[in-house]
Amino acid sequence: MGKHKHYDVIVAYYADTSQLVECRNPGRDNWFTVNGAPYFEESNEYRIKPEPVYPVTRMSDNEIEDAIRAGMEYQYVSTNVATTIANAAIRRAIQDGDVILPNID
């Protein structure tokens, strides 16, 4: 007798049951999170829910420092500075095409 169709997911899940398992019905595009212990039915597809991938930026240290200096009014980092940094990072990531969005299936 060969391995169960979902053997790899079953082993991964029971090695760490804090992980979430997702299920997809045949012919469907959407994954849904399984509540409780999964049944691992042969007719469905299963996977360990992937970790989200967050946007990244390739701003240099100098660009970040310039963004900090541009919004700095005092000797501490203010909300304006944080906003300036966030906006600069988002703008640069969009311009460079370096934004990696989470896979939302």
Protein backbone atom coordinates (compact mmCIF):
# COMPACT_ATOMS: atom_id res chain seq x y z
CA MET A 1 0.00 0.00 0.00
CA GLY A 2 1.37 3.42 -0.95
CA LYS A 3 1.39 6.69 0.94
CA HIS A 4 -1.84 8.50 1.64
CA LYS A 5 -2.60 11.20 -0.93
CA HIS A 6 -2.13 13.90 1.74
CA TYR A 7 0.79 12.23 3.56
CA ASP A 8 3.14 15.25 3.43
CA VAL A 9 0.52 17.68 4.76
CA ILE A 10 -0.57 15.21 7.44
CA VAL A 11 3.02 14.74 8.67
CA ALA A 12 3.69 18.50 8.62
CA TYR A 13 0.46 19.25 10.50
CA TYR A 14 0.95 16.66 13.24
CA ALA A 15 4.57 17.73 13.69
CA ASP A 16 3.21 21.16 14.68
CA THR A 17 -0.55 21.29 15.21
CA SER A 18 -0.44 25.04 15.82
CA GLN A 19 -0.21 25.44 12.05
CA LEU A 20 -3.39 26.14 10.14
CA VAL A 21 -4.50 23.73 7.43
CA GLU A 22 -6.37 24.95 4.38
CA CYS A 23 -8.67 22.89 2.18
CA ARG A 24 -9.89 23.31 -1.37
CA ASN A 25 -12.71 21.39 -2.99
CA PRO A 26 -12.11 19.86 -6.42
CA GLY A 27 -12.54 22.37 -9.26
CA ARG A 28 -12.55 25.38 -6.91
CA ASP A 29 -10.01 28.20 -6.73
CA ASN A 30 -10.58 29.32 -3.14
CA TRP A 31 -8.84 27.80 -0.13
CA PHE A 32 -10.59 27.90 3.24
CA THR A 33 -9.13 27.38 6.70
CA VAL A 34 -10.09 24.09 8.34
CA ASN A 35 -11.54 24.51 11.84
CA GLY A 36 -10.19 21.92 14.25
CA ALA A 37 -8.36 18.78 13.17
CA PRO A 38 -8.65 18.17 9.42
CA TYR A 39 -10.23 14.97 8.08
CA PHE A 40 -7.88 14.79 5.06
CA GLU A 41 -10.53 13.45 2.73
CA GLU A 42 -9.14 11.95 -0.48
CA SER A 43 -11.41 14.06 -2.68
CA ASN A 44 -10.13 17.44 -1.39
CA GLU A 45 -6.80 19.24 -1.59
CA TYR A 46 -5.00 20.30 1.60
CA ARG A 47 -2.03 22.48 2.42
CA ILE A 48 -0.42 24.14 5.41
CA LYS A 49 -1.55 27.76 5.29
CA PRO A 50 1.38 29.73 3.84
CA GLU A 51 2.94 32.55 5.83
CA PRO A 52 2.12 35.97 4.39
CA VAL A 53 4.76 37.65 2.26
CA TYR A 54 5.06 41.32 3.14
CA PRO A 55 6.14 44.16 0.84
CA VAL A 56 9.84 44.94 0.85
CA THR A 57 11.78 47.99 -0.29
CA ARG A 58 15.24 48.44 -1.77
CA MET A 59 15.75 51.95 -0.41
CA SER A 60 19.36 52.61 0.50
CA ASP A 61 20.38 53.69 3.99
CA ASN A 62 21.02 57.16 2.60
CA GLU A 63 17.50 57.36 1.15
CA ILE A 64 16.02 56.31 4.48
CA GLU A 65 18.19 58.80 6.37
CA ASP A 66 17.15 61.54 3.90
CA ALA A 67 13.51 60.67 4.51
CA ILE A 68 14.08 60.87 8.28
CA ARG A 69 15.87 64.20 8.01
CA ALA A 70 13.14 65.61 5.73
CA GLY A 71 10.49 65.11 8.41
CA MET A 72 12.62 65.71 11.52
CA GLU A 73 11.53 68.70 13.61
CA TYR A 74 13.06 67.68 16.92
CA GLN A 75 15.78 65.34 18.19
CA TYR A 76 13.39 62.40 18.44
CA VAL A 77 11.47 60.55 15.77
CA SER A 78 8.00 62.03 15.54
CA THR A 79 4.84 60.70 13.93
CA ASN A 80 5.57 62.93 10.96
CA VAL A 81 8.95 61.23 10.52
CA ALA A 82 7.42 57.78 10.66
CA THR A 83 4.79 58.82 8.11
CA THR A 84 7.46 60.28 5.84
CA ILE A 85 9.50 57.08 6.03
CA ALA A 86 6.47 54.88 5.36
CA ASN A 87 5.34 56.98 2.40
CA ALA A 88 8.85 57.10 0.93
CA ALA A 89 9.21 53.32 1.27
CA ILE A 90 5.83 52.66 -0.30
CA ARG A 91 6.47 55.12 -3.13
CA ARG A 92 9.89 53.61 -3.89
CA ALA A 93 8.58 50.04 -3.78
CA ILE A 94 5.77 50.90 -6.19
CA GLN A 95 8.09 52.79 -8.54
CA ASP A 96 10.62 49.95 -8.63
CA GLY A 97 8.03 47.21 -8.91
CA ASP A 98 9.51 45.57 -5.81
CA VAL A 99 6.28 45.15 -3.86
CA ILE A 100 5.50 41.50 -3.14
CA LEU A 101 1.89 41.08 -2.07
CA PRO A 102 0.54 38.15 -0.06
CA ASN A 103 -1.03 35.37 -2.09
CA ILE A 104 -4.71 35.66 -1.23
CA ASP A 105 -6.32 32.52 -2.56
